[in-house]
Structure formats: C-alpha cells, structure tokens
C-alpha cells in the first residue's frame, strides 16, 4: 500500500481537471443527446464522496447497492451521496450523506479535493464528487433504508484493466454501450463508473501507485 497516496492525490486535485471522463473509455457511447459536462440551470444539486481508507494493507473505497424501492437509480451501485440541502455546501453534503448512509459517526475524514462536476440525465442531478481519506477503516454500519449492501472495493482493483468491461443498455428506446467496473457479481456503471473513471485516469497520468 502506498502511504503517500493521499498527499500525492491531493496535490493532483489542485491542478486543472480534464472533465468528467468525457471522451474516455468510461463514457457511454453513443451519447444519444446526453451531455455530461454541462447541466441545465434547473438541475437538482447533489454531492458524493469517494472515501479512501486502508484495509488489509490496501487502499479501499466504499460503494453502496441502492435498494429497489428508491426513486432514483434503484438497484444500482453508487457512491455515498445525495441531494444538497438548502444552506449546505457540496463538501458538507458529501460528508453528511456518507454518515447518513454508512454511519461511522466521529470518523475523521480529510477532504483531498473535488473531481469534475457530472450531470446525470436520468435523475436530473448535477453531481459534485469529492475525494476524501480516512486514516483507518471507518466502522461502517449501513442504513438499511438507503443501502441494500455495502461493497468495499480495493482501489487497485479499479486500476486493473482485467476488471473493466462494457455491456449494452437502452436509453429512450435506443441501444448504447455502458462501460463498467466488475466487482464480484456487480457491474459498476453509469455516473459511478464515470466518476471513478476520472479518478483512475488522474492516478494513471500522475504515475501514482495505489498498492
């Protein structure tokens, strides 16, 4: 495990970003009229947290399986996150949503910086992704109302091309190819794949070692 990863990643996040994986291997194709890097003025505002933490001598991050009853992205794999409340910053919302979904109250989290804003057509959300780090594995207790299962994925797993692929989906009665990361029996696709894809690209281009 690279103990310098948080500092190296924080330094990279202070520099300009290339955008939310648009034009990369992580973007669904064809776009079918969707624009991921420009949100309408009335888009709902949301924030998510990519939380890195050490576990079994590897950097990990938590993902959640969303219950089938939720109105947005039911049954999909997501980063902890949700809508930004009035008077709240996106940074505050990312942390609050993490604690609401996965508990770990009192766990110190160092916020390293932002990834690119991503607009999601299906739910009309403008998502602000934050990257944070916990210096030890949080004592996570999933909120069963919002989380059907907790997935703890090694960062190095996402960086290994053998765990990346694509599958076919449909949007407005038209087929498209959806890139995904594979973890156990799950496909991590859509907005979560694009956000994690940007993180992967930043790590790759910067030559940062994960493990």
Protein backbone atom coordinates (compact mmCIF):
# COMPACT_ATOMS: atom_id res chain seq x y z
CA UNK A 1 0.00 0.00 0.00
CA UNK A 2 1.34 3.41 -0.98
CA UNK A 3 1.29 5.53 2.22
CA UNK A 4 1.86 8.72 0.22
CA UNK A 5 -1.21 8.29 -2.00
CA UNK A 6 -3.42 10.82 -0.12
CA UNK A 7 -0.81 13.58 -0.34
CA UNK A 8 0.01 12.78 -3.98
CA UNK A 9 -3.66 12.72 -4.94
CA UNK A 10 -4.40 15.94 -3.05
CA UNK A 11 -1.59 17.67 -4.96
CA UNK A 12 -3.02 16.46 -8.30
CA UNK A 13 -6.52 17.66 -7.40
CA UNK A 14 -5.24 21.23 -7.00
CA UNK A 15 -4.42 21.23 -10.73
CA UNK A 16 -6.90 21.62 -13.62
CA UNK A 17 -9.05 18.57 -14.36
CA UNK A 18 -9.80 17.24 -17.82
CA UNK A 19 -13.54 16.89 -17.20
CA UNK A 20 -15.90 14.08 -16.15
CA UNK A 21 -14.40 11.23 -18.24
CA UNK A 22 -15.99 12.67 -21.40
CA UNK A 23 -14.41 11.15 -24.49
CA UNK A 24 -12.67 8.48 -22.41
CA UNK A 25 -13.20 4.73 -22.16
CA UNK A 26 -15.51 5.38 -19.20
CA UNK A 27 -18.14 7.38 -21.13
CA UNK A 28 -21.20 5.56 -22.52
CA UNK A 29 -21.36 5.52 -26.33
CA UNK A 30 -23.07 6.81 -28.32
CA UNK A 31 -24.17 9.75 -26.21
CA UNK A 32 -27.70 9.80 -27.64
CA UNK A 33 -28.02 13.52 -26.97
CA UNK A 34 -26.71 13.36 -23.42
CA UNK A 35 -24.18 15.98 -22.26
CA UNK A 36 -22.37 15.06 -19.07
CA UNK A 37 -20.27 18.19 -18.55
CA UNK A 38 -23.00 20.83 -18.80
CA UNK A 39 -26.06 20.88 -16.53
CA UNK A 40 -29.30 22.84 -17.08
CA UNK A 41 -29.91 25.72 -14.70
CA UNK A 42 -32.76 23.84 -13.01
CA UNK A 43 -30.77 20.66 -12.38
CA UNK A 44 -31.00 19.25 -8.86
CA UNK A 45 -27.76 19.63 -6.90
CA UNK A 46 -26.08 16.63 -5.29
CA UNK A 47 -22.73 15.58 -3.88
CA UNK A 48 -20.97 12.25 -3.47
CA UNK A 49 -17.88 11.11 -1.57
CA UNK A 50 -15.09 8.88 -2.84
CA UNK A 51 -13.62 7.86 0.52
CA UNK A 52 -10.24 6.13 0.53
CA UNK A 53 -9.16 4.20 3.61
CA UNK A 54 -6.61 1.48 4.47
CA UNK A 55 -7.87 -2.07 4.88
CA UNK A 56 -5.88 -5.30 4.72
CA UNK A 57 -2.84 -3.36 3.58
CA UNK A 58 -4.62 -1.89 0.53
CA UNK A 59 -6.48 1.35 -0.15
CA UNK A 60 -10.23 0.70 -0.36
CA UNK A 61 -13.36 2.75 -1.04
CA UNK A 62 -16.99 2.08 -0.08
CA UNK A 63 -19.78 1.73 -2.62
CA UNK A 64 -23.44 1.02 -1.91
CA UNK A 65 -26.08 -1.11 -3.56
CA UNK A 66 -29.20 1.02 -3.69
CA UNK A 67 -32.46 -0.63 -2.53
CA UNK A 68 -35.11 -1.38 -5.15
CA UNK A 69 -37.64 1.00 -3.56
CA UNK A 70 -35.63 4.21 -4.01
CA UNK A 71 -36.97 6.70 -6.61
CA UNK A 72 -33.59 7.38 -8.27
CA UNK A 73 -31.13 4.76 -9.59
CA UNK A 74 -32.79 1.89 -7.71
CA UNK A 75 -30.77 -1.33 -7.69
CA UNK A 76 -27.59 0.36 -8.94
CA UNK A 77 -24.14 0.62 -7.37
CA UNK A 78 -23.48 4.15 -6.13
CA UNK A 79 -21.03 6.26 -4.19
CA UNK A 80 -22.32 7.52 -0.83
CA UNK A 81 -24.11 10.77 -1.56
CA UNK A 82 -27.34 12.60 -2.21
CA UNK A 83 -29.08 15.92 -2.60
CA UNK A 84 -27.51 19.11 -1.25
CA UNK A 85 -29.75 20.71 1.36
CA UNK A 86 -30.52 24.46 1.49
CA UNK A 87 -27.69 26.44 3.08
CA UNK A 88 -25.30 23.49 2.76
CA UNK A 89 -22.08 23.38 0.70
CA UNK A 90 -21.41 20.42 -1.58
CA UNK A 91 -18.45 19.48 0.65
CA UNK A 92 -20.71 19.40 3.70
CA UNK A 93 -23.35 17.43 1.82
CA UNK A 94 -20.87 14.77 0.70
CA UNK A 95 -19.76 14.18 4.30
CA UNK A 96 -23.30 14.28 5.73
CA UNK A 97 -24.60 11.80 3.18
CA UNK A 98 -21.69 9.43 3.87
CA UNK A 99 -22.53 9.42 7.56
CA UNK A 100 -26.28 9.10 6.94
CA UNK A 101 -25.82 6.12 4.64
CA UNK A 102 -22.90 4.34 6.29
CA UNK A 103 -22.65 5.69 9.83
CA UNK A 104 -19.07 5.95 11.15
CA UNK A 105 -20.00 8.98 13.23
CA UNK A 106 -16.95 10.77 14.58
CA UNK A 107 -14.63 9.23 11.98
CA UNK A 108 -12.16 11.97 10.91
CA UNK A 109 -12.15 12.47 7.13
CA UNK A 110 -9.59 14.64 5.34
CA UNK A 111 -11.12 16.11 2.19
CA UNK A 112 -8.49 15.99 -0.57
CA UNK A 113 -10.36 17.90 -3.28
CA UNK A 114 -13.01 17.76 -5.97
CA UNK A 115 -13.36 15.76 -9.15
CA UNK A 116 -15.25 17.19 -12.13
CA UNK A 117 -18.93 18.08 -11.93
CA UNK A 118 -21.10 15.49 -13.68
CA UNK A 119 -24.65 15.93 -14.98
CA UNK A 120 -26.88 12.83 -14.89
CA UNK A 121 -29.81 12.99 -17.31
CA UNK A 122 -31.81 10.10 -15.84
CA UNK A 123 -32.27 11.76 -12.45
CA UNK A 124 -31.59 15.39 -13.49
CA UNK A 125 -28.84 15.71 -10.86
CA UNK A 126 -25.75 17.88 -11.10
CA UNK A 127 -23.25 15.89 -9.03
CA UNK A 128 -20.24 17.36 -7.22
CA UNK A 129 -17.81 14.50 -6.42
CA UNK A 130 -15.39 14.89 -3.52
CA UNK A 131 -12.39 12.71 -2.69
CA UNK A 132 -11.56 12.16 0.97
CA UNK A 133 -9.34 9.91 3.06
CA UNK A 134 -9.73 8.23 6.43
CA UNK A 135 -6.52 7.13 8.11
CA UNK A 136 -8.16 3.93 9.35
CA UNK A 137 -11.08 1.83 8.17
CA UNK A 138 -14.34 3.50 9.30
CA UNK A 139 -16.68 1.47 11.49
CA UNK A 140 -19.39 1.50 8.84
CA UNK A 141 -22.95 0.44 9.67
CA UNK A 142 -25.19 0.72 6.58
CA UNK A 143 -28.55 2.48 6.93
CA UNK A 144 -30.94 -0.23 5.70
CA UNK A 145 -33.42 2.39 4.45
CA UNK A 146 -30.84 3.66 1.94
CA UNK A 147 -28.32 0.84 1.50
CA UNK A 148 -29.10 -2.74 0.47
CA UNK A 149 -25.44 -3.81 0.68
CA UNK A 150 -22.02 -2.31 1.37
CA UNK A 151 -19.24 -3.03 -1.12
CA UNK A 152 -15.65 -2.42 -0.04
CA UNK A 153 -13.61 -2.25 -3.24
CA UNK A 154 -9.80 -2.04 -3.37
CA UNK A 155 -8.57 0.96 -5.37
CA UNK A 156 -6.05 -1.31 -7.10
CA UNK A 157 -8.95 -3.47 -8.34
CA UNK A 158 -10.34 -0.49 -10.28
CA UNK A 159 -6.92 0.26 -11.76
CA UNK A 160 -6.52 -3.26 -13.16
CA UNK A 161 -7.88 -3.37 -16.76
CA UNK A 162 -8.91 -7.00 -16.32
CA UNK A 163 -11.81 -5.81 -14.17
CA UNK A 164 -13.14 -3.33 -16.77
CA UNK A 165 -15.68 -4.09 -19.48
CA UNK A 166 -18.90 -2.97 -21.22
CA UNK A 167 -22.48 -4.10 -21.57
CA UNK A 168 -25.46 -2.99 -23.67
CA UNK A 169 -28.29 -0.87 -22.25
CA UNK A 170 -31.15 1.19 -23.67
CA UNK A 171 -31.90 4.91 -23.43
CA UNK A 172 -35.07 6.38 -24.99
CA UNK A 173 -35.58 3.17 -26.99
CA UNK A 174 -32.05 3.27 -28.40
CA UNK A 175 -29.19 0.91 -27.51
CA UNK A 176 -25.88 2.15 -26.17
CA UNK A 177 -22.71 0.65 -24.72
CA UNK A 178 -22.27 1.19 -20.99
CA UNK A 179 -18.72 0.81 -19.61
CA UNK A 180 -18.47 -0.84 -16.20
CA UNK A 181 -16.10 -1.98 -13.49
CA UNK A 182 -16.68 -5.53 -12.28
CA UNK A 183 -16.70 -6.31 -8.56
CA UNK A 184 -17.83 -9.78 -7.53
CA UNK A 185 -21.23 -10.24 -9.24
CA UNK A 186 -21.81 -6.48 -9.62
CA UNK A 187 -21.41 -4.12 -12.58
CA UNK A 188 -20.44 -0.58 -11.53
CA UNK A 189 -21.69 1.56 -14.40
CA UNK A 190 -23.30 4.92 -15.19
CA UNK A 191 -22.37 8.03 -13.21
CA UNK A 192 -20.44 5.98 -10.64
CA UNK A 193 -18.28 4.46 -13.38
CA UNK A 194 -17.57 7.91 -14.88
CA UNK A 195 -16.63 9.45 -11.52
CA UNK A 196 -14.37 6.54 -10.59
CA UNK A 197 -13.05 6.55 -14.15
CA UNK A 198 -11.84 10.13 -13.78
CA UNK A 199 -10.09 9.17 -10.55
CA UNK A 200 -8.45 6.22 -12.31
CA UNK A 201 -7.26 8.46 -15.14
CA UNK A 202 -5.78 11.01 -12.73
CA UNK A 203 -3.88 8.28 -10.89
CA UNK A 204 -2.67 6.75 -14.15
CA UNK A 205 -1.49 10.01 -15.70
CA UNK A 206 0.23 11.08 -12.49
CA UNK A 207 2.02 7.77 -12.05
CA UNK A 208 0.65 7.39 -8.51
CA UNK A 209 0.97 3.88 -7.09
CA UNK A 210 -2.08 2.52 -5.28
CA UNK A 211 -0.59 -0.59 -3.69
